[in-house]
Amino acid sequence: MTKETNLLACDLAELNEAFLGLVGRGTDAGLPPRVLAELRAIGPDTRQRLAALPFALFGFGFEDEAAWARLLSPGVRDLDPGYVSGEPATERFTLLVLTVVRRMARDAPESVSSWIGLPAGTRTRLDKLEIGTLGIVAALAAPRLRGRLPGREPLWLGLIDAAARDDARYLRLLATQGQQWTIRRCLGLESPIAPARGFRR
């Protein structure tokens, strides 16, 4: 494992934990009510195991390349959001994610794509984005925050249960499938190669 991959794994775990913290404090991120209730009831050990999964538990619709082409266009630096944020914690989290993803798009592009489903075109645009523009982009992108696979309630409940029971084998299986799903999304492939036990859209 390379130094960059190690750094990515550490950053990812911290961001996953921060996302779970947001959910615990009331952010719904488009997740089903039962999943939200379960996530809000987990203890610190279960949260840590979920956070350590090798793919993002959250997303910002990076697979929508047209939307991100607009968000990352040179003209965005001239925009003034012109509003008082109703969810400053979500915007701070979005800024953290974009800062990490921008760095990893340069240092470990393949790893960051498998982690959060970042298509090559969006990765290139983010790589070229000026650091001073990240705050504006984060403000505009924050409403796009969603839990991964929000329509796959059984998958989420399986992940939570496996993490609560510290079932390392099942967590590894789900993690592998999650990475495969993420890679396929960033490549624009919608259907799985084979039935994937909850990872189909």
N, C-alpha and C. Protein backbone atom coordinates (compact mmCIF):
# COMPACT_ATOMS: atom_id res chain seq x y z
N MET A 1 0.85 -1.20 0.00
CA MET A 1 0.00 0.00 0.00
C MET A 1 0.87 1.25 0.00
N THR A 2 0.63 2.19 -0.92
CA THR A 2 1.45 3.38 -1.04
C THR A 2 1.13 4.38 0.06
N LYS A 3 2.05 5.33 0.21
CA LYS A 3 1.84 6.39 1.20
C LYS A 3 0.56 7.15 0.89
N GLU A 4 0.35 7.45 -0.41
CA GLU A 4 -0.85 8.20 -0.80
C GLU A 4 -2.12 7.43 -0.47
N THR A 5 -2.09 6.10 -0.69
CA THR A 5 -3.27 5.29 -0.39
C THR A 5 -3.53 5.25 1.11
N ASN A 6 -2.46 5.18 1.90
CA ASN A 6 -2.61 5.22 3.36
C ASN A 6 -3.24 6.53 3.82
N LEU A 7 -2.76 7.62 3.23
CA LEU A 7 -3.32 8.93 3.58
C LEU A 7 -4.79 9.01 3.19
N LEU A 8 -5.11 8.49 2.02
CA LEU A 8 -6.49 8.48 1.56
C LEU A 8 -7.38 7.70 2.52
N ALA A 9 -6.90 6.52 2.94
CA ALA A 9 -7.68 5.69 3.86
C ALA A 9 -7.95 6.42 5.17
N CYS A 10 -6.94 7.11 5.67
CA CYS A 10 -7.11 7.86 6.93
C CYS A 10 -8.09 9.02 6.74
N ASP A 11 -7.91 9.77 5.65
CA ASP A 11 -8.81 10.89 5.38
C ASP A 11 -10.24 10.41 5.18
N LEU A 12 -10.37 9.30 4.44
CA LEU A 12 -11.70 8.76 4.17
C LEU A 12 -12.40 8.37 5.46
N ALA A 13 -11.69 7.68 6.36
CA ALA A 13 -12.29 7.26 7.62
C ALA A 13 -12.75 8.48 8.42
N GLU A 14 -11.94 9.54 8.42
CA GLU A 14 -12.32 10.74 9.16
C GLU A 14 -13.55 11.41 8.54
N LEU A 15 -13.59 11.44 7.21
CA LEU A 15 -14.73 12.06 6.55
C LEU A 15 -15.99 11.22 6.72
N ASN A 16 -15.85 9.90 6.62
CA ASN A 16 -17.01 9.03 6.88
C ASN A 16 -17.53 9.25 8.30
N GLU A 17 -16.61 9.35 9.25
CA GLU A 17 -17.04 9.56 10.64
C GLU A 17 -17.71 10.92 10.80
N ALA A 18 -17.18 11.93 10.12
CA ALA A 18 -17.80 13.25 10.17
C ALA A 18 -19.20 13.21 9.56
N PHE A 19 -19.36 12.47 8.46
CA PHE A 19 -20.68 12.34 7.84
C PHE A 19 -21.65 11.66 8.81
N LEU A 20 -21.21 10.58 9.45
CA LEU A 20 -22.08 9.90 10.41
C LEU A 20 -22.42 10.82 11.58
N GLY A 21 -21.48 11.69 11.95
CA GLY A 21 -21.77 12.68 12.99
C GLY A 21 -22.84 13.66 12.55
N LEU A 22 -22.78 14.11 11.29
CA LEU A 22 -23.83 14.99 10.76
C LEU A 22 -25.20 14.32 10.82
N VAL A 23 -25.23 13.05 10.40
CA VAL A 23 -26.50 12.30 10.45
C VAL A 23 -26.99 12.20 11.89
N GLY A 24 -26.06 11.93 12.80
CA GLY A 24 -26.43 11.81 14.20
C GLY A 24 -27.00 13.10 14.78
N ARG A 25 -26.58 14.23 14.18
CA ARG A 25 -27.06 15.53 14.68
C ARG A 25 -28.26 16.07 13.90
N GLY A 26 -28.81 15.23 13.00
CA GLY A 26 -30.07 15.62 12.38
C GLY A 26 -30.09 15.73 10.87
N THR A 27 -28.94 15.67 10.20
CA THR A 27 -28.93 15.70 8.74
C THR A 27 -29.49 14.39 8.21
N ASP A 28 -30.45 14.45 7.27
CA ASP A 28 -31.03 13.18 6.80
C ASP A 28 -30.34 12.65 5.55
N ALA A 29 -29.70 13.53 4.75
CA ALA A 29 -28.92 13.12 3.58
C ALA A 29 -29.67 12.16 2.67
N GLY A 30 -31.00 12.27 2.65
CA GLY A 30 -31.80 11.45 1.74
C GLY A 30 -31.93 10.00 2.13
N LEU A 31 -31.48 9.63 3.31
CA LEU A 31 -31.54 8.22 3.73
C LEU A 31 -32.93 7.87 4.27
N PRO A 32 -33.33 6.59 4.18
CA PRO A 32 -34.65 6.18 4.68
C PRO A 32 -34.76 6.37 6.19
N PRO A 33 -35.97 6.63 6.70
CA PRO A 33 -36.16 6.87 8.13
C PRO A 33 -35.60 5.76 9.03
N ARG A 34 -35.78 4.50 8.63
CA ARG A 34 -35.29 3.42 9.48
C ARG A 34 -33.77 3.42 9.55
N VAL A 35 -33.12 3.69 8.42
CA VAL A 35 -31.66 3.76 8.40
C VAL A 35 -31.18 4.92 9.27
N LEU A 36 -31.84 6.07 9.16
CA LEU A 36 -31.48 7.21 9.99
C LEU A 36 -31.60 6.87 11.47
N ALA A 37 -32.70 6.21 11.84
CA ALA A 37 -32.90 5.84 13.25
C ALA A 37 -31.79 4.91 13.73
N GLU A 38 -31.43 3.93 12.90
CA GLU A 38 -30.37 2.99 13.28
C GLU A 38 -29.02 3.69 13.41
N LEU A 39 -28.71 4.56 12.46
CA LEU A 39 -27.43 5.27 12.50
C LEU A 39 -27.35 6.19 13.72
N ARG A 40 -28.46 6.77 14.09
CA ARG A 40 -28.46 7.69 15.23
C ARG A 40 -28.38 6.97 16.56
N ALA A 41 -28.60 5.66 16.52
CA ALA A 41 -28.57 4.87 17.77
C ALA A 41 -27.26 4.13 17.98
N ILE A 42 -26.37 4.14 16.98
CA ILE A 42 -25.14 3.33 17.10
C ILE A 42 -24.17 3.96 18.09
N GLY A 43 -23.33 3.11 18.66
CA GLY A 43 -22.30 3.56 19.58
C GLY A 43 -21.01 3.90 18.85
N PRO A 44 -20.02 4.41 19.58
CA PRO A 44 -18.77 4.86 18.95
C PRO A 44 -18.00 3.75 18.24
N ASP A 45 -18.02 2.52 18.78
CA ASP A 45 -17.28 1.44 18.14
C ASP A 45 -17.90 1.07 16.79
N THR A 46 -19.21 0.98 16.75
CA THR A 46 -19.90 0.68 15.49
C THR A 46 -19.67 1.80 14.48
N ARG A 47 -19.74 3.04 14.94
CA ARG A 47 -19.50 4.18 14.05
C ARG A 47 -18.10 4.12 13.46
N GLN A 48 -17.14 3.75 14.28
CA GLN A 48 -15.76 3.68 13.81
C GLN A 48 -15.59 2.58 12.76
N ARG A 49 -16.25 1.44 12.96
CA ARG A 49 -16.14 0.35 11.98
C ARG A 49 -16.79 0.74 10.65
N LEU A 50 -17.93 1.41 10.72
CA LEU A 50 -18.57 1.88 9.49
C LEU A 50 -17.68 2.91 8.79
N ALA A 51 -17.11 3.81 9.55
CA ALA A 51 -16.27 4.85 8.97
C ALA A 51 -15.04 4.28 8.28
N ALA A 52 -14.57 3.12 8.73
CA ALA A 52 -13.35 2.52 8.18
C ALA A 52 -13.59 1.80 6.85
N LEU A 53 -14.84 1.70 6.39
CA LEU A 53 -15.10 1.06 5.10
C LEU A 53 -14.34 1.79 3.99
N PRO A 54 -13.81 1.06 3.00
CA PRO A 54 -12.94 1.69 2.00
C PRO A 54 -13.69 2.37 0.86
N PHE A 55 -14.83 2.94 1.15
CA PHE A 55 -15.54 3.77 0.17
C PHE A 55 -16.38 4.77 0.96
N ALA A 56 -16.71 5.87 0.30
CA ALA A 56 -17.44 6.94 0.97
C ALA A 56 -18.86 6.50 1.28
N LEU A 57 -19.31 6.78 2.48
CA LEU A 57 -20.70 6.51 2.87
C LEU A 57 -21.62 7.64 2.38
N PHE A 58 -21.04 8.64 1.79
CA PHE A 58 -21.77 9.82 1.33
C PHE A 58 -21.37 10.11 -0.11
N GLY A 59 -22.10 10.99 -0.74
CA GLY A 59 -21.76 11.40 -2.09
C GLY A 59 -22.34 12.77 -2.39
N PHE A 60 -21.88 13.34 -3.49
CA PHE A 60 -22.39 14.64 -3.94
C PHE A 60 -22.82 14.57 -5.40
N GLY A 61 -23.21 13.39 -5.86
CA GLY A 61 -23.64 13.24 -7.23
C GLY A 61 -22.53 13.51 -8.23
N PHE A 62 -21.30 13.10 -7.91
CA PHE A 62 -20.18 13.34 -8.81
C PHE A 62 -20.39 12.68 -10.17
N GLU A 63 -21.21 11.62 -10.22
CA GLU A 63 -21.43 10.96 -11.50
C GLU A 63 -22.20 11.84 -12.49
N ASP A 64 -22.84 12.90 -11.99
CA ASP A 64 -23.53 13.86 -12.85
C ASP A 64 -22.49 14.86 -13.36
N GLU A 65 -21.80 14.46 -14.42
CA GLU A 65 -20.66 15.27 -14.89
C GLU A 65 -21.10 16.64 -15.40
N ALA A 66 -22.29 16.74 -15.98
CA ALA A 66 -22.76 18.03 -16.49
C ALA A 66 -22.93 19.03 -15.34
N ALA A 67 -23.52 18.57 -14.23
CA ALA A 67 -23.72 19.46 -13.08
C ALA A 67 -22.38 19.91 -12.50
N TRP A 68 -21.45 18.97 -12.40
CA TRP A 68 -20.14 19.33 -11.84
C TRP A 68 -19.30 20.14 -12.82
N ALA A 69 -19.53 20.00 -14.10
CA ALA A 69 -18.84 20.87 -15.06
C ALA A 69 -19.26 22.33 -14.82
N ARG A 70 -20.54 22.55 -14.51
CA ARG A 70 -21.00 23.91 -14.21
C ARG A 70 -20.42 24.40 -12.89
N LEU A 71 -20.46 23.54 -11.86
CA LEU A 71 -19.95 23.94 -10.55
C LEU A 71 -18.46 24.26 -10.57
N LEU A 72 -17.72 23.55 -11.41
CA LEU A 72 -16.26 23.72 -11.44
C LEU A 72 -15.80 24.58 -12.61
N SER A 73 -16.71 25.29 -13.26
CA SER A 73 -16.34 26.13 -14.40
C SER A 73 -15.61 27.37 -13.89
N PRO A 74 -14.79 27.99 -14.73
CA PRO A 74 -14.06 29.20 -14.30
C PRO A 74 -14.99 30.31 -13.82
N GLY A 75 -16.20 30.38 -14.36
CA GLY A 75 -17.12 31.44 -13.98
C GLY A 75 -17.61 31.35 -12.55
N VAL A 76 -17.47 30.20 -11.92
CA VAL A 76 -18.01 30.06 -10.57
C VAL A 76 -17.29 30.97 -9.58
N ARG A 77 -16.06 31.33 -9.88
CA ARG A 77 -15.31 32.20 -8.96
C ARG A 77 -15.93 33.59 -8.85
N ASP A 78 -16.74 33.97 -9.83
CA ASP A 78 -17.37 35.29 -9.82
C ASP A 78 -18.73 35.28 -9.13
N LEU A 79 -19.17 34.11 -8.71
CA LEU A 79 -20.50 34.02 -8.09
C LEU A 79 -20.42 34.43 -6.62
N ASP A 80 -21.45 35.10 -6.19
CA ASP A 80 -21.60 35.41 -4.78
C ASP A 80 -22.84 34.66 -4.31
N PRO A 81 -22.70 33.65 -3.42
CA PRO A 81 -23.87 32.88 -3.01
C PRO A 81 -25.02 33.76 -2.52
N GLY A 82 -24.71 34.89 -1.85
CA GLY A 82 -25.74 35.86 -1.50
C GLY A 82 -26.83 35.31 -0.59
N TYR A 83 -26.47 34.53 0.39
CA TYR A 83 -27.47 33.98 1.30
C TYR A 83 -26.81 33.70 2.64
N VAL A 84 -27.66 33.55 3.64
CA VAL A 84 -27.18 33.13 4.95
C VAL A 84 -27.39 31.63 5.04
N SER A 85 -26.35 30.89 5.26
CA SER A 85 -26.43 29.44 5.25
C SER A 85 -27.35 28.93 6.35
N GLY A 86 -28.24 28.01 5.98
CA GLY A 86 -29.09 27.36 6.96
C GLY A 86 -28.44 26.13 7.55
N GLU A 87 -27.39 25.62 6.88
CA GLU A 87 -26.72 24.41 7.34
C GLU A 87 -25.21 24.60 7.25
N PRO A 88 -24.66 25.43 8.12
CA PRO A 88 -23.22 25.69 8.06
C PRO A 88 -22.38 24.44 8.29
N ALA A 89 -22.86 23.51 9.11
CA ALA A 89 -22.09 22.29 9.36
C ALA A 89 -21.96 21.47 8.08
N THR A 90 -23.03 21.43 7.27
CA THR A 90 -22.97 20.69 6.01
C THR A 90 -22.02 21.37 5.03
N GLU A 91 -22.01 22.69 5.01
CA GLU A 91 -21.08 23.40 4.13
C GLU A 91 -19.64 23.19 4.56
N ARG A 92 -19.38 23.19 5.86
CA ARG A 92 -18.01 22.93 6.34
C ARG A 92 -17.58 21.53 5.94
N PHE A 93 -18.48 20.57 6.09
CA PHE A 93 -18.16 19.19 5.71
C PHE A 93 -17.88 19.11 4.20
N THR A 94 -18.71 19.77 3.40
CA THR A 94 -18.52 19.77 1.95
C THR A 94 -17.16 20.35 1.59
N LEU A 95 -16.78 21.44 2.25
CA LEU A 95 -15.47 22.04 1.99
C LEU A 95 -14.34 21.08 2.34
N LEU A 96 -14.47 20.37 3.47
CA LEU A 96 -13.46 19.38 3.84
C LEU A 96 -13.35 18.29 2.76
N VAL A 97 -14.51 17.79 2.33
CA VAL A 97 -14.50 16.73 1.31
C VAL A 97 -13.83 17.21 0.03
N LEU A 98 -14.22 18.38 -0.45
CA LEU A 98 -13.66 18.88 -1.70
C LEU A 98 -12.16 19.14 -1.58
N THR A 99 -11.73 19.59 -0.42
CA THR A 99 -10.29 19.82 -0.21
C THR A 99 -9.52 18.51 -0.30
N VAL A 100 -10.04 17.47 0.36
CA VAL A 100 -9.38 16.16 0.33
C VAL A 100 -9.43 15.56 -1.07
N VAL A 101 -10.60 15.62 -1.71
CA VAL A 101 -10.76 15.03 -3.04
C VAL A 101 -9.86 15.75 -4.04
N ARG A 102 -9.76 17.07 -3.95
CA ARG A 102 -8.88 17.82 -4.85
C ARG A 102 -7.43 17.38 -4.69
N ARG A 103 -6.99 17.23 -3.46
CA ARG A 103 -5.61 16.79 -3.23
C ARG A 103 -5.38 15.38 -3.76
N MET A 104 -6.33 14.48 -3.47
CA MET A 104 -6.16 13.10 -3.89
C MET A 104 -6.34 12.93 -5.40
N ALA A 105 -7.09 13.84 -6.03
CA ALA A 105 -7.20 13.80 -7.49
C ALA A 105 -5.83 14.00 -8.13
N ARG A 106 -4.95 14.68 -7.41
CA ARG A 106 -3.59 14.90 -7.90
C ARG A 106 -2.64 13.78 -7.48
N ASP A 107 -2.77 13.33 -6.24
CA ASP A 107 -1.79 12.38 -5.69
C ASP A 107 -2.14 10.92 -5.96
N ALA A 108 -3.42 10.59 -5.97
CA ALA A 108 -3.83 9.18 -6.14
C ALA A 108 -5.16 9.13 -6.89
N PRO A 109 -5.16 9.52 -8.18
CA PRO A 109 -6.42 9.66 -8.93
C PRO A 109 -7.24 8.39 -9.01
N GLU A 110 -6.61 7.23 -9.21
CA GLU A 110 -7.37 5.98 -9.30
C GLU A 110 -8.01 5.64 -7.97
N SER A 111 -7.27 5.85 -6.89
CA SER A 111 -7.81 5.53 -5.56
C SER A 111 -9.01 6.40 -5.22
N VAL A 112 -8.92 7.70 -5.52
CA VAL A 112 -10.02 8.59 -5.16
C VAL A 112 -11.25 8.27 -5.99
N SER A 113 -11.05 7.79 -7.22
CA SER A 113 -12.20 7.41 -8.04
C SER A 113 -12.91 6.19 -7.46
N SER A 114 -12.14 5.22 -6.99
CA SER A 114 -12.76 4.03 -6.42
C SER A 114 -13.37 4.33 -5.06
N TRP A 115 -12.88 5.37 -4.39
CA TRP A 115 -13.38 5.73 -3.07
C TRP A 115 -14.72 6.45 -3.15
N ILE A 116 -14.81 7.45 -4.03
CA ILE A 116 -16.01 8.28 -4.01
C ILE A 116 -16.72 8.33 -5.36
N GLY A 117 -16.24 7.59 -6.37
CA GLY A 117 -16.92 7.56 -7.66
C GLY A 117 -16.73 8.84 -8.44
N LEU A 118 -15.49 9.26 -8.61
CA LEU A 118 -15.18 10.52 -9.27
C LEU A 118 -14.80 10.25 -10.73
N PRO A 119 -15.66 10.60 -11.70
CA PRO A 119 -15.32 10.37 -13.11
C PRO A 119 -14.08 11.17 -13.52
N ALA A 120 -13.42 10.71 -14.57
CA ALA A 120 -12.16 11.31 -14.99
C ALA A 120 -12.31 12.79 -15.33
N GLY A 121 -13.39 13.16 -16.03
CA GLY A 121 -13.57 14.55 -16.41
C GLY A 121 -13.72 15.46 -15.20
N THR A 122 -14.53 15.04 -14.23
CA THR A 122 -14.72 15.83 -13.01
C THR A 122 -13.44 15.88 -12.21
N ARG A 123 -12.72 14.78 -12.18
CA ARG A 123 -11.44 14.72 -11.46
C ARG A 123 -10.45 15.74 -12.05
N THR A 124 -10.40 15.83 -13.37
CA THR A 124 -9.50 16.78 -14.02
C THR A 124 -9.89 18.22 -13.71
N ARG A 125 -11.20 18.50 -13.75
CA ARG A 125 -11.66 19.87 -13.45
C ARG A 125 -11.34 20.24 -12.00
N LEU A 126 -11.56 19.31 -11.08
CA LEU A 126 -11.30 19.58 -9.68
C LEU A 126 -9.80 19.77 -9.44
N ASP A 127 -9.00 18.99 -10.11
CA ASP A 127 -7.54 19.11 -10.01
C ASP A 127 -7.09 20.52 -10.38
N LYS A 128 -7.74 21.13 -11.37
CA LYS A 128 -7.34 22.44 -11.88
C LYS A 128 -7.99 23.60 -11.12
N LEU A 129 -8.92 23.30 -10.22
CA LEU A 129 -9.65 24.35 -9.51
C LEU A 129 -8.73 25.11 -8.57
N GLU A 130 -8.82 26.42 -8.62
CA GLU A 130 -8.02 27.25 -7.71
C GLU A 130 -8.50 27.06 -6.27
N ILE A 131 -7.55 27.02 -5.34
CA ILE A 131 -7.90 26.74 -3.95
C ILE A 131 -8.84 27.81 -3.38
N GLY A 132 -8.69 29.05 -3.85
CA GLY A 132 -9.54 30.12 -3.34
C GLY A 132 -10.99 30.00 -3.76
N THR A 133 -11.27 29.15 -4.73
CA THR A 133 -12.64 28.96 -5.22
C THR A 133 -13.37 27.85 -4.49
N LEU A 134 -12.65 27.06 -3.71
CA LEU A 134 -13.26 25.90 -3.06
C LEU A 134 -14.42 26.28 -2.15
N GLY A 135 -14.31 27.42 -1.45
CA GLY A 135 -15.38 27.83 -0.54
C GLY A 135 -16.69 28.08 -1.27
N ILE A 136 -16.62 28.75 -2.43
CA ILE A 136 -17.82 29.03 -3.22
C ILE A 136 -18.41 27.72 -3.75
N VAL A 137 -17.55 26.86 -4.28
CA VAL A 137 -18.04 25.58 -4.80
C VAL A 137 -18.69 24.76 -3.69
N ALA A 138 -18.07 24.76 -2.49
CA ALA A 138 -18.65 24.01 -1.37
C ALA A 138 -20.02 24.54 -1.00
N ALA A 139 -20.19 25.85 -1.00
CA ALA A 139 -21.49 26.44 -0.67
C ALA A 139 -22.55 26.01 -1.68
N LEU A 140 -22.17 25.95 -2.96
CA LEU A 140 -23.12 25.57 -3.99
C LEU A 140 -23.38 24.07 -4.02
N ALA A 141 -22.36 23.29 -3.62
CA ALA A 141 -22.48 21.83 -3.69
C ALA A 141 -23.10 21.21 -2.45
N ALA A 142 -23.11 21.91 -1.33
CA ALA A 142 -23.59 21.33 -0.07
C ALA A 142 -24.98 20.71 -0.16
N PRO A 143 -25.94 21.34 -0.88
CA PRO A 143 -27.28 20.72 -0.97
C PRO A 143 -27.29 19.38 -1.70
N ARG A 144 -26.20 19.04 -2.39
CA ARG A 144 -26.13 17.77 -3.11
C ARG A 144 -25.73 16.61 -2.20
N LEU A 145 -25.40 16.88 -0.94
CA LEU A 145 -24.97 15.82 -0.03
C LEU A 145 -26.06 14.76 0.14
N ARG A 146 -25.69 13.51 -0.10
CA ARG A 146 -26.59 12.38 0.09
C ARG A 146 -25.81 11.20 0.65
N GLY A 147 -26.50 10.37 1.42
CA GLY A 147 -25.92 9.10 1.78
C GLY A 147 -25.82 8.23 0.54
N ARG A 148 -24.80 7.37 0.48
CA ARG A 148 -24.66 6.51 -0.69
C ARG A 148 -25.82 5.53 -0.74
N LEU A 149 -26.26 5.21 -1.94
CA LEU A 149 -27.32 4.24 -2.16
C LEU A 149 -28.52 4.47 -1.24
N PRO A 150 -29.11 5.66 -1.26
CA PRO A 150 -30.20 5.94 -0.33
C PRO A 150 -31.42 5.04 -0.53
N GLY A 151 -31.57 4.46 -1.72
CA GLY A 151 -32.70 3.58 -1.96
C GLY A 151 -32.48 2.13 -1.56
N ARG A 152 -31.29 1.82 -1.04
CA ARG A 152 -30.96 0.43 -0.70
C ARG A 152 -30.98 0.24 0.82
N GLU A 153 -32.16 0.33 1.39
CA GLU A 153 -32.30 0.20 2.84
C GLU A 153 -31.72 -1.11 3.37
N PRO A 154 -31.99 -2.28 2.74
CA PRO A 154 -31.42 -3.53 3.27
C PRO A 154 -29.89 -3.51 3.33
N LEU A 155 -29.26 -2.88 2.35
CA LEU A 155 -27.80 -2.78 2.36
C LEU A 155 -27.31 -1.99 3.57
N TRP A 156 -27.90 -0.84 3.79
CA TRP A 156 -27.51 -0.02 4.93
C TRP A 156 -27.73 -0.76 6.25
N LEU A 157 -28.88 -1.41 6.36
CA LEU A 157 -29.16 -2.14 7.60
C LEU A 157 -28.18 -3.29 7.77
N GLY A 158 -27.78 -3.94 6.66
CA GLY A 158 -26.78 -4.99 6.73
C GLY A 158 -25.43 -4.47 7.18
N LEU A 159 -25.03 -3.32 6.65
CA LEU A 159 -23.76 -2.71 7.05
C LEU A 159 -23.77 -2.35 8.54
N ILE A 160 -24.86 -1.75 8.98
CA ILE A 160 -24.96 -1.34 10.38
C ILE A 160 -24.92 -2.56 11.29
N ASP A 161 -25.65 -3.62 10.91
CA ASP A 161 -25.68 -4.83 11.72
C ASP A 161 -24.31 -5.49 11.77
N ALA A 162 -23.64 -5.59 10.62
CA ALA A 162 -22.31 -6.21 10.58
C ALA A 162 -21.31 -5.42 11.41
N ALA A 163 -21.40 -4.09 11.33
CA ALA A 163 -20.49 -3.26 12.12
C ALA A 163 -20.78 -3.40 13.62
N ALA A 164 -22.06 -3.47 13.98
CA ALA A 164 -22.42 -3.62 15.39
C ALA A 164 -21.95 -4.95 15.95
N ARG A 165 -21.99 -6.01 15.12
CA ARG A 165 -21.56 -7.34 15.56
C ARG A 165 -20.06 -7.55 15.36
N ASP A 166 -19.40 -6.56 14.78
CA ASP A 166 -17.97 -6.66 14.46
C ASP A 166 -17.71 -7.89 13.58
N ASP A 167 -18.57 -8.06 12.58
CA ASP A 167 -18.45 -9.18 11.64
C ASP A 167 -17.52 -8.75 10.51
N ALA A 168 -16.23 -8.93 10.72
CA ALA A 168 -15.23 -8.43 9.79
C ALA A 168 -15.38 -9.06 8.40
N ARG A 169 -15.72 -10.36 8.36
CA ARG A 169 -15.83 -11.05 7.08
C ARG A 169 -16.95 -10.45 6.22
N TYR A 170 -18.11 -10.24 6.83
CA TYR A 170 -19.24 -9.70 6.07
C TYR A 170 -18.99 -8.25 5.69
N LEU A 171 -18.35 -7.50 6.57
CA LEU A 171 -18.02 -6.12 6.25
C LEU A 171 -17.06 -6.05 5.06
N ARG A 172 -16.09 -6.98 5.00
CA ARG A 172 -15.17 -7.01 3.87
C ARG A 172 -15.91 -7.32 2.57
N LEU A 173 -16.86 -8.26 2.65
CA LEU A 173 -17.65 -8.61 1.47
C LEU A 173 -18.44 -7.40 0.97
N LEU A 174 -19.13 -6.74 1.89
CA LEU A 174 -19.91 -5.56 1.51
C LEU A 174 -19.01 -4.44 1.01
N ALA A 175 -17.83 -4.30 1.64
CA ALA A 175 -16.90 -3.26 1.23
C ALA A 175 -16.41 -3.49 -0.20
N THR A 176 -16.12 -4.74 -0.54
CA THR A 176 -15.67 -5.07 -1.89
C THR A 176 -16.75 -4.75 -2.91
N GLN A 177 -17.98 -5.14 -2.59
CA GLN A 177 -19.09 -4.85 -3.50
C GLN A 177 -19.32 -3.34 -3.60
N GLY A 178 -19.16 -2.64 -2.48
CA GLY A 178 -19.33 -1.19 -2.50
C GLY A 178 -18.31 -0.51 -3.38
N GLN A 179 -17.07 -0.96 -3.31
CA GLN A 179 -16.04 -0.39 -4.18
C GLN A 179 -16.33 -0.67 -5.65
N GLN A 180 -16.78 -1.89 -5.94
CA GLN A 180 -17.11 -2.22 -7.33
C GLN A 180 -18.22 -1.33 -7.84
N TRP A 181 -19.26 -1.13 -7.02
CA TRP A 181 -20.37 -0.28 -7.41
C TRP A 181 -19.88 1.15 -7.66
N THR A 182 -19.01 1.65 -6.78
CA THR A 182 -18.50 3.01 -6.91
C THR A 182 -17.71 3.19 -8.19
N ILE A 183 -16.86 2.22 -8.50
CA ILE A 183 -16.05 2.29 -9.72
C ILE A 183 -16.96 2.28 -10.95
N ARG A 184 -17.96 1.41 -10.93
CA ARG A 184 -18.87 1.34 -12.08
C ARG A 184 -19.62 2.66 -12.27
N ARG A 185 -20.03 3.28 -11.18
CA ARG A 185 -20.73 4.56 -11.30
C ARG A 185 -19.83 5.62 -11.90
N CYS A 186 -18.55 5.68 -11.47
CA CYS A 186 -17.67 6.72 -11.99
C CYS A 186 -17.32 6.46 -13.45
N LEU A 187 -17.48 5.22 -13.91
CA LEU A 187 -17.27 4.90 -15.32
C LEU A 187 -18.55 5.05 -16.14
N GLY A 188 -19.65 5.38 -15.46
CA GLY A 188 -20.92 5.57 -16.15
C GLY A 188 -21.63 4.27 -16.48
N LEU A 189 -21.28 3.18 -15.77
CA LEU A 189 -21.92 1.89 -15.99
C LEU A 189 -23.02 1.71 -14.96
N GLU A 190 -24.24 1.51 -15.43
CA GLU A 190 -25.38 1.50 -14.51
C GLU A 190 -25.71 0.12 -13.95
N SER A 191 -25.57 -0.94 -14.76
CA SER A 191 -26.00 -2.26 -14.30
C SER A 191 -24.81 -3.09 -13.86
N PRO A 192 -24.94 -3.85 -12.78
CA PRO A 192 -23.83 -4.66 -12.31
C PRO A 192 -23.53 -5.82 -13.24
N ILE A 193 -22.30 -6.32 -13.17
CA ILE A 193 -21.91 -7.46 -13.98
C ILE A 193 -22.67 -8.70 -13.54
N ALA A 194 -22.87 -8.84 -12.25
CA ALA A 194 -23.59 -9.97 -11.69
C ALA A 194 -24.41 -9.46 -10.53
N PRO A 195 -25.45 -10.20 -10.10
CA PRO A 195 -26.23 -9.76 -8.94
C PRO A 195 -25.31 -9.45 -7.77
N ALA A 196 -25.57 -8.30 -7.13
CA ALA A 196 -24.59 -7.80 -6.17
C ALA A 196 -25.15 -7.62 -4.77
N ARG A 197 -26.12 -8.40 -4.39
CA ARG A 197 -26.63 -8.44 -3.02
C ARG A 197 -26.87 -7.05 -2.43
N GLY A 198 -27.70 -6.27 -3.15
CA GLY A 198 -28.09 -4.98 -2.59
C GLY A 198 -27.40 -3.78 -3.22
N PHE A 199 -26.43 -4.00 -4.09
CA PHE A 199 -25.75 -2.86 -4.66
C PHE A 199 -26.30 -2.45 -6.01
N ARG A 200 -27.33 -3.13 -6.50
CA ARG A 200 -27.96 -2.69 -7.74
C ARG A 200 -28.78 -1.44 -7.48
N ARG A 201 -28.84 -0.56 -8.48
CA ARG A 201 -29.66 0.64 -8.32
C ARG A 201 -31.13 0.30 -8.31
